[in-house]
Amino acid sequence: MKVILSRKAFDSGAGKVANPIFDDGSMIPLPIPDKQSPIRYQDLTVAGQNLGTVASQLTRGRTRPDHFAHLDPDLVAAAYPREPGWRPLFGQVGAAQTVLARAGIGVGDLFLFFGWFRRVGRSSAGLEYVKGAPDLHVLWGWFQIGEVIPIQDGVVAPTWMDYHPHLVAGSRGANNTLYVASETLTVDGVGNDVPGAGTFATYDARLQLTKPGCSRSSWSLPRWFYPGPSRTPLGYHHDRGRWHLDEDRVTLRAVARGQEFVLDTADYPEALPWIAGLVEPSGATPSIHDDDVTPPR
């Protein structure tokens, strides 16, 4: 199995502000703006928060509630009205999809989504970032691949996928691809009741990649991440000068660009119990339950 650390949600280029961590610890990854999408921020609700309000307040009106959102990866059933048969989806295209294809990413492989987060509070003006709160890279969701659908001329996708931005906007590129989540997560040490995709309900120190007291791209990882002489480093991080051992941890100076960082568990079997430890006790939010699916529009 391959694990992909995948950078998603608002960032310094798309959205231009951090994703929020609320007072109760809940995290909301904000989908990036996308004028080709049919979905508006005001159409989406996550953790009891309307994303039109959240995005508008945190960007000081630069992203408005009626602006269009790229709902991708789409992991939480209750976020948006669904057609029967809905499953979590993730689309990729262009250079990032080329990276995944060259790595042989397919059924059974696992995405761990991370993004830029910062704590927020409320004032008379609405949501605002807590003064002095650090900028952090944090893991916010997972997605194990159950099916891969290349979006090409002549391919007919199931109708429940019609809303997805990688379909409604027509061909986004020759290698436009949709990934469908597996029904359940198949990883050693994980129970049979964990869904194949979902989000971590609340912030937890185990989900934080950023080394405390450092810039968000300075990561503190378990020591086993260190690329010894016989192990291929995490994708995009082949420069050994980026890695520094620090007692039982390893510090990584993460690259500023790139979306999909592939790690092969054949070289790093320690990744499997690490993933199990993240998903099982974290209070994760399942992607789908039968009673969560809202009626079709």
Protein backbone atom coordinates (compact mmCIF):
# COMPACT_ATOMS: atom_id res chain seq x y z
CA MET A 1 0.00 0.00 0.00
CA LYS A 2 1.10 3.53 -0.75
CA VAL A 3 0.25 6.52 1.45
CA ILE A 4 -0.07 9.97 -0.09
CA LEU A 5 0.29 13.10 2.04
CA SER A 6 -1.96 15.37 -0.02
CA ARG A 7 -2.06 19.17 0.42
CA LYS A 8 -5.69 20.33 0.13
CA ALA A 9 -8.07 23.16 1.21
CA PHE A 10 -7.36 26.92 1.51
CA ASP A 11 -3.70 27.84 1.21
CA SER A 12 -1.57 30.90 0.51
CA GLY A 13 -2.32 30.65 -3.22
CA ALA A 14 -6.00 29.63 -3.26
CA GLY A 15 -8.13 31.24 -0.58
CA LYS A 16 -5.08 33.05 0.83
CA VAL A 17 -5.97 32.49 4.50
CA ALA A 18 -5.67 29.61 6.94
CA ASN A 19 -8.40 27.07 7.51
CA PRO A 20 -10.06 27.51 10.93
CA ILE A 21 -9.66 25.62 14.18
CA PHE A 22 -12.57 26.69 16.41
CA ASP A 23 -12.69 27.12 20.18
CA ASP A 24 -14.09 23.61 20.63
CA GLY A 25 -11.21 22.18 18.56
CA SER A 26 -13.31 21.43 15.49
CA MET A 27 -11.52 21.93 12.18
CA ILE A 28 -13.06 22.98 8.87
CA PRO A 29 -11.02 22.56 5.67
CA LEU A 30 -12.36 25.21 3.30
CA PRO A 31 -12.65 24.19 -0.39
CA ILE A 32 -10.69 26.44 -2.71
CA PRO A 33 -12.49 28.92 -5.01
CA ASP A 34 -13.47 27.60 -8.45
CA LYS A 35 -15.51 29.63 -10.94
CA GLN A 36 -16.28 26.48 -12.95
CA SER A 37 -17.99 24.73 -10.03
CA PRO A 38 -21.80 24.75 -9.67
CA ILE A 39 -21.56 24.77 -5.85
CA ARG A 40 -21.51 28.01 -3.86
CA TYR A 41 -19.93 28.36 -0.42
CA GLN A 42 -23.35 29.21 1.01
CA ASP A 43 -24.60 25.80 -0.16
CA LEU A 44 -22.22 23.96 2.18
CA THR A 45 -22.50 23.24 5.91
CA VAL A 46 -19.82 21.44 7.94
CA ALA A 47 -19.73 20.95 11.72
CA GLY A 48 -22.77 23.18 12.05
CA GLN A 49 -21.05 26.06 10.25
CA ASN A 50 -22.21 27.54 6.95
CA LEU A 51 -19.10 27.79 4.79
CA GLY A 52 -20.37 30.93 3.08
CA THR A 53 -20.30 32.75 6.41
CA VAL A 54 -16.99 31.22 7.50
CA ALA A 55 -15.16 31.97 4.23
CA SER A 56 -16.56 35.49 3.95
CA GLN A 57 -15.64 36.49 7.49
CA LEU A 58 -12.15 34.99 7.48
CA THR A 59 -11.25 36.55 4.10
CA ARG A 60 -12.87 39.87 5.08
CA GLY A 61 -15.31 39.56 2.19
CA ARG A 62 -12.80 38.65 -0.51
CA THR A 63 -14.52 35.26 -0.80
CA ARG A 64 -18.27 35.88 -0.68
CA PRO A 65 -21.02 33.39 0.27
CA ASP A 66 -22.24 33.33 -3.35
CA HIS A 67 -18.80 32.59 -4.78
CA PHE A 68 -18.24 29.11 -6.22
CA ALA A 69 -16.35 26.42 -4.28
CA HIS A 70 -14.32 23.45 -5.50
CA LEU A 71 -15.80 20.78 -3.23
CA ASP A 72 -12.92 18.37 -3.60
CA PRO A 73 -12.00 16.19 -1.82
CA ASP A 74 -15.64 15.70 -0.86
CA LEU A 75 -15.72 13.55 2.26
CA VAL A 76 -18.69 14.47 4.47
CA ALA A 77 -22.14 13.35 3.37
CA ALA A 78 -24.04 15.97 5.36
CA ALA A 79 -22.12 18.88 3.81
CA TYR A 80 -24.30 19.03 0.69
CA PRO A 81 -27.51 17.45 -0.74
CA ARG A 82 -26.78 13.99 -2.16
CA GLU A 83 -28.25 11.61 -4.68
CA PRO A 84 -28.77 7.96 -3.66
CA GLY A 85 -25.60 5.92 -3.91
CA TRP A 86 -23.24 8.78 -3.02
CA ARG A 87 -19.71 7.91 -2.01
CA PRO A 88 -16.82 10.23 -1.06
CA LEU A 89 -14.94 11.50 -4.12
CA PHE A 90 -11.60 13.05 -4.91
CA GLY A 91 -10.60 14.41 -8.31
CA GLN A 92 -7.13 15.13 -9.66
CA VAL A 93 -5.75 16.35 -12.97
CA GLY A 94 -2.66 17.83 -14.57
CA ALA A 95 0.80 17.59 -13.04
CA ALA A 96 -0.52 16.32 -9.70
CA GLN A 97 -2.38 13.44 -11.37
CA THR A 98 0.75 12.66 -13.38
CA VAL A 99 2.63 12.26 -10.08
CA LEU A 100 -0.02 9.83 -8.84
CA ALA A 101 -0.09 7.86 -12.09
CA ARG A 102 3.69 7.52 -12.23
CA ALA A 103 3.67 6.24 -8.65
CA GLY A 104 1.09 3.61 -9.62
CA ILE A 105 -1.52 4.94 -7.20
CA GLY A 106 -4.65 2.80 -7.33
CA VAL A 107 -7.20 0.75 -5.40
CA GLY A 108 -6.23 0.23 -1.76
CA ASP A 109 -3.84 3.19 -1.56
CA LEU A 110 -4.56 5.86 1.03
CA PHE A 111 -4.61 9.67 0.93
CA LEU A 112 -3.97 11.61 4.13
CA PHE A 113 -5.10 15.19 3.47
CA PHE A 114 -3.35 18.06 5.21
CA GLY A 115 -3.66 21.82 5.07
CA TRP A 116 -2.84 25.18 6.64
CA PHE A 117 -4.78 25.79 9.87
CA ARG A 118 -4.92 28.45 12.55
CA ARG A 119 -7.11 28.99 15.60
CA VAL A 120 -10.03 31.40 15.30
CA GLY A 121 -12.33 33.14 17.77
CA ARG A 122 -15.41 35.33 17.58
CA SER A 123 -15.72 39.06 18.06
CA SER A 124 -18.42 41.63 17.35
CA ALA A 125 -17.15 41.60 13.74
CA GLY A 126 -17.52 37.83 13.43
CA LEU A 127 -14.82 35.20 13.06
CA GLU A 128 -11.21 36.33 13.29
CA TYR A 129 -7.85 34.66 13.77
CA VAL A 130 -6.55 34.53 17.33
CA LYS A 131 -3.71 37.01 17.71
CA GLY A 132 -0.41 35.19 18.04
CA ALA A 133 -1.88 31.78 17.21
CA PRO A 134 0.62 29.74 15.17
CA ASP A 135 0.20 28.78 11.52
CA LEU A 136 0.16 25.00 11.34
CA HIS A 137 0.11 22.20 8.83
CA VAL A 138 -2.42 19.68 10.18
CA LEU A 139 -3.81 16.39 8.90
CA TRP A 140 -7.58 16.76 8.47
CA GLY A 141 -8.91 13.72 6.61
CA TRP A 142 -8.29 10.34 5.02
CA PHE A 143 -9.44 8.58 1.85
CA GLN A 144 -8.73 5.01 0.81
CA ILE A 145 -9.22 4.37 -2.89
CA GLY A 146 -11.96 1.89 -3.81
CA GLU A 147 -12.24 2.71 -7.52
CA VAL A 148 -10.42 4.84 -10.11
CA ILE A 149 -12.42 6.45 -12.93
CA PRO A 150 -10.52 8.18 -15.76
CA ILE A 151 -12.75 10.98 -17.04
CA GLN A 152 -12.43 10.70 -20.82
CA ASP A 153 -14.68 11.18 -23.83
CA GLY A 154 -17.25 8.43 -23.86
CA VAL A 155 -16.96 7.63 -20.14
CA VAL A 156 -20.36 7.73 -18.46
CA ALA A 157 -20.10 8.27 -14.71
CA PRO A 158 -22.96 7.38 -12.34
CA THR A 159 -25.53 10.15 -12.05
CA TRP A 160 -24.87 10.68 -8.32
CA MET A 161 -21.46 12.09 -9.32
CA ASP A 162 -22.93 14.76 -11.61
CA TYR A 163 -22.40 17.59 -9.11
CA HIS A 164 -18.66 17.02 -8.77
CA PRO A 165 -16.48 19.84 -10.22
CA HIS A 166 -14.27 17.41 -12.13
CA LEU A 167 -17.36 16.35 -14.10
CA VAL A 168 -19.62 19.39 -14.40
CA ALA A 169 -16.90 21.64 -15.79
CA GLY A 170 -16.20 19.33 -18.68
CA SER A 171 -12.72 18.02 -19.35
CA ARG A 172 -10.18 19.70 -17.09
CA GLY A 173 -7.34 17.93 -18.85
CA ALA A 174 -6.42 14.77 -20.69
CA ASN A 175 -5.69 12.95 -17.43
CA ASN A 176 -8.72 14.15 -15.45
CA THR A 177 -9.38 11.38 -12.91
CA LEU A 178 -11.92 10.67 -10.17
CA TYR A 179 -11.17 8.48 -7.17
CA VAL A 180 -14.07 6.83 -5.30
CA ALA A 181 -13.56 5.91 -1.65
CA SER A 182 -13.70 2.35 -0.41
CA GLU A 183 -16.64 1.34 1.79
CA THR A 184 -14.43 0.70 4.82
CA LEU A 185 -10.83 1.45 5.72
CA THR A 186 -8.62 -1.59 5.30
CA VAL A 187 -5.48 -1.03 7.38
CA ASP A 188 -3.98 -3.43 9.93
CA GLY A 189 -5.07 -2.39 13.42
CA VAL A 190 -8.20 -0.54 12.26
CA GLY A 191 -11.65 -1.93 13.11
CA ASN A 192 -14.09 -3.03 10.45
CA ASP A 193 -16.48 -0.16 11.26
CA VAL A 194 -14.17 2.68 10.15
CA PRO A 195 -15.33 4.15 6.81
CA GLY A 196 -13.01 4.34 3.84
CA ALA A 197 -13.00 8.16 3.95
CA GLY A 198 -13.70 10.81 6.55
CA THR A 199 -12.45 13.82 8.45
CA PHE A 200 -10.85 14.18 11.85
CA ALA A 201 -13.53 15.81 13.99
CA THR A 202 -11.25 17.88 16.21
CA TYR A 203 -7.67 19.06 16.39
CA ASP A 204 -5.31 16.64 18.10
CA ALA A 205 -1.56 17.07 18.60
CA ARG A 206 -1.03 13.75 16.78
CA LEU A 207 -2.48 15.34 13.65
CA GLN A 208 -0.10 18.32 13.70
CA LEU A 209 2.77 18.10 11.22
CA THR A 210 4.36 21.45 12.07
CA LYS A 211 7.12 21.37 14.68
CA PRO A 212 6.05 23.43 17.72
CA GLY A 213 7.51 26.93 17.67
CA CYS A 214 8.56 26.71 14.02
CA SER A 215 7.20 27.89 10.68
CA ARG A 216 4.40 25.67 9.34
CA SER A 217 6.62 23.97 6.72
CA SER A 218 9.06 22.75 9.37
CA TRP A 219 7.60 19.37 10.25
CA SER A 220 8.25 17.08 13.20
CA LEU A 221 7.55 13.46 12.21
CA PRO A 222 8.02 10.05 13.82
CA ARG A 223 11.63 8.92 13.52
CA TRP A 224 10.72 6.09 11.14
CA PHE A 225 9.99 8.66 8.40
CA TYR A 226 13.77 9.20 8.11
CA PRO A 227 14.94 7.91 4.70
CA GLY A 228 17.80 5.54 5.38
CA PRO A 229 20.15 4.47 2.58
CA SER A 230 17.86 1.66 1.39
CA ARG A 231 14.53 3.48 1.63
CA THR A 232 13.02 5.83 -0.95
CA PRO A 233 12.24 9.18 0.71
CA LEU A 234 8.79 10.72 0.88
CA GLY A 235 7.90 12.07 -2.56
CA TYR A 236 9.27 15.55 -3.41
CA HIS A 237 11.67 15.24 -0.45
CA HIS A 238 14.59 13.31 -1.94
CA ASP A 239 17.11 15.96 -0.86
CA ARG A 240 18.62 14.36 2.25
CA GLY A 241 19.57 17.83 3.48
CA ARG A 242 15.89 18.42 4.26
CA TRP A 243 15.90 15.66 6.91
CA HIS A 244 17.41 15.97 10.39
CA LEU A 245 17.22 13.37 13.15
CA ASP A 246 16.14 14.74 16.53
CA GLU A 247 16.14 12.04 19.24
CA ASP A 248 12.93 10.00 18.69
CA ARG A 249 11.66 12.38 15.97
CA VAL A 250 12.82 13.63 12.60
CA THR A 251 12.54 17.22 11.41
CA LEU A 252 11.66 17.74 7.76
CA ARG A 253 11.87 21.04 5.88
CA ALA A 254 8.81 20.44 3.70
CA VAL A 255 8.75 21.74 0.15
CA ALA A 256 6.68 24.84 -0.53
CA ARG A 257 5.19 23.50 -3.77
CA GLY A 258 3.69 20.17 -4.75
CA GLN A 259 0.42 18.53 -3.75
CA GLU A 260 0.93 14.77 -3.62
CA PHE A 261 3.79 13.32 -1.53
CA VAL A 262 3.91 9.53 -1.95
CA LEU A 263 5.29 7.11 0.66
CA ASP A 264 5.52 3.36 -0.02
CA THR A 265 4.68 1.25 3.02
CA ALA A 266 6.81 -1.55 1.57
CA ASP A 267 9.77 0.66 2.62
CA TYR A 268 7.98 2.13 5.64
CA PRO A 269 5.80 -0.57 7.29
CA GLU A 270 5.72 1.58 10.43
CA ALA A 271 3.25 3.82 8.59
CA LEU A 272 0.43 1.30 9.09
CA PRO A 273 0.26 1.34 12.92
CA TRP A 274 0.79 5.13 12.77
CA ILE A 275 -2.28 5.51 10.54
CA ALA A 276 -4.28 3.19 12.79
CA GLY A 277 -3.35 5.34 15.78
CA LEU A 278 -4.55 8.47 13.99
CA VAL A 279 -7.89 7.12 12.83
CA GLU A 280 -9.11 4.86 15.63
CA PRO A 281 -8.93 7.05 18.77
CA SER A 282 -9.22 10.49 17.22
CA GLY A 283 -12.96 11.06 17.27
CA ALA A 284 -12.97 10.96 13.49
CA THR A 285 -16.05 12.02 11.56
CA PRO A 286 -17.32 9.23 9.28
CA SER A 287 -17.84 10.14 5.65
CA ILE A 288 -21.25 8.50 5.35
CA HIS A 289 -24.03 6.89 7.34
CA ASP A 290 -27.37 5.95 5.83
CA ASP A 291 -29.20 8.55 7.94
CA ASP A 292 -26.70 11.29 7.04
CA VAL A 293 -27.46 11.38 3.32
CA THR A 294 -29.72 14.33 2.58
CA PRO A 295 -32.49 13.92 0.02
CA PRO A 296 -31.80 14.79 -3.64
CA ARG A 297 -32.44 18.39 -4.63
